[in-house]
């Protein structure tokens, strides 16, 4: 499942960040920010449209991700909290 698909309030575990070319700067930056295998992530808020940003918490930090970014993050063990 992709991070993009999680509803507001849902939690999951990061499985991986998909990387298109080997030098995918966006994928590398997401990993640098903490989106690495085994990290818990929770969706706090979503933009008004399906293409809007998604606000997530990973560790103690909040990030607003564009859909193009959240579409690269594969998650597992999703648990809906609301």
Protein backbone atom coordinates (compact mmCIF):
# COMPACT_ATOMS: atom_id res chain seq x y z
CA UNK A 1 0.00 0.00 0.00
CA UNK A 2 1.19 3.54 -0.67
CA UNK A 3 1.35 6.25 1.99
CA UNK A 4 -0.96 8.24 -0.28
CA UNK A 5 -3.70 5.62 0.25
CA UNK A 6 -3.78 5.85 4.05
CA UNK A 7 -6.77 7.74 5.46
CA UNK A 8 -6.48 10.57 7.96
CA UNK A 9 -5.63 9.18 11.40
CA UNK A 10 -4.17 5.92 10.07
CA UNK A 11 -0.75 4.60 11.05
CA UNK A 12 1.57 2.25 9.22
CA UNK A 13 5.17 1.13 9.00
CA UNK A 14 7.42 2.32 6.19
CA UNK A 15 8.40 -0.62 4.01
CA UNK A 16 10.49 1.23 1.43
CA UNK A 17 10.83 4.31 -0.75
CA UNK A 18 10.51 3.45 -4.42
CA UNK A 19 13.32 4.80 -6.53
CA UNK A 20 12.82 5.31 -10.26
CA UNK A 21 16.30 6.05 -11.64
CA UNK A 22 19.35 5.13 -9.56
CA UNK A 23 20.00 8.82 -8.92
CA UNK A 24 16.45 9.65 -7.78
CA UNK A 25 17.04 12.78 -5.70
CA UNK A 26 13.49 12.82 -4.28
CA UNK A 27 13.71 9.22 -3.04
CA UNK A 28 17.13 9.88 -1.54
CA UNK A 29 15.84 13.01 0.23
CA UNK A 30 12.81 11.15 1.64
CA UNK A 31 15.15 8.54 3.12
CA UNK A 32 17.37 11.30 4.54
CA UNK A 33 14.29 12.75 6.25
CA UNK A 34 13.59 9.43 7.99
CA UNK A 35 11.30 7.53 5.62
CA UNK A 36 13.23 4.28 6.03
CA UNK A 37 12.19 0.67 6.50
CA UNK A 38 10.63 -0.02 9.88
CA UNK A 39 9.77 3.58 10.83
CA UNK A 40 6.21 4.21 12.00
CA UNK A 41 4.31 6.92 10.13
CA UNK A 42 0.90 8.48 10.81
CA UNK A 43 -1.34 10.59 8.57
CA UNK A 44 -2.38 13.72 10.46
CA UNK A 45 -4.23 15.66 7.76
CA UNK A 46 -4.97 15.64 4.06
CA UNK A 47 -5.48 18.43 1.53
CA UNK A 48 -8.98 19.17 0.32
CA UNK A 49 -8.43 17.56 -3.06
CA UNK A 50 -7.03 14.15 -3.88
CA UNK A 51 -3.94 15.83 -5.31
CA UNK A 52 -3.43 18.07 -2.27
CA UNK A 53 -0.64 17.68 0.28
CA UNK A 54 -0.68 15.06 3.01
CA UNK A 55 0.58 15.92 6.50
CA UNK A 56 2.36 13.02 8.20
CA UNK A 57 4.28 12.44 11.41
CA UNK A 58 7.38 10.28 11.38
CA UNK A 59 9.36 10.17 14.58
CA UNK A 60 8.71 13.51 16.28
CA UNK A 61 8.63 15.50 13.04
CA UNK A 62 5.74 16.55 10.83
CA UNK A 63 6.12 16.69 7.07
CA UNK A 64 3.80 17.99 4.37
CA UNK A 65 4.32 15.82 1.32
CA UNK A 66 3.12 16.35 -2.23
CA UNK A 67 1.29 13.44 -3.82
CA UNK A 68 4.28 12.77 -6.07
CA UNK A 69 6.35 12.26 -2.91
CA UNK A 70 3.85 10.22 -0.87
CA UNK A 71 3.24 7.99 -3.91
CA UNK A 72 6.85 6.79 -3.61
CA UNK A 73 6.50 5.60 0.00
CA UNK A 74 5.33 2.00 0.38
CA UNK A 75 3.88 1.14 3.81
CA UNK A 76 2.72 -2.05 5.56
CA UNK A 77 0.76 -3.07 8.65
CA UNK A 78 -1.65 -0.16 8.37
CA UNK A 79 -3.84 0.36 11.44
CA UNK A 80 -6.71 2.84 11.24
CA UNK A 81 -7.04 5.10 14.30
CA UNK A 82 -9.97 7.17 13.25
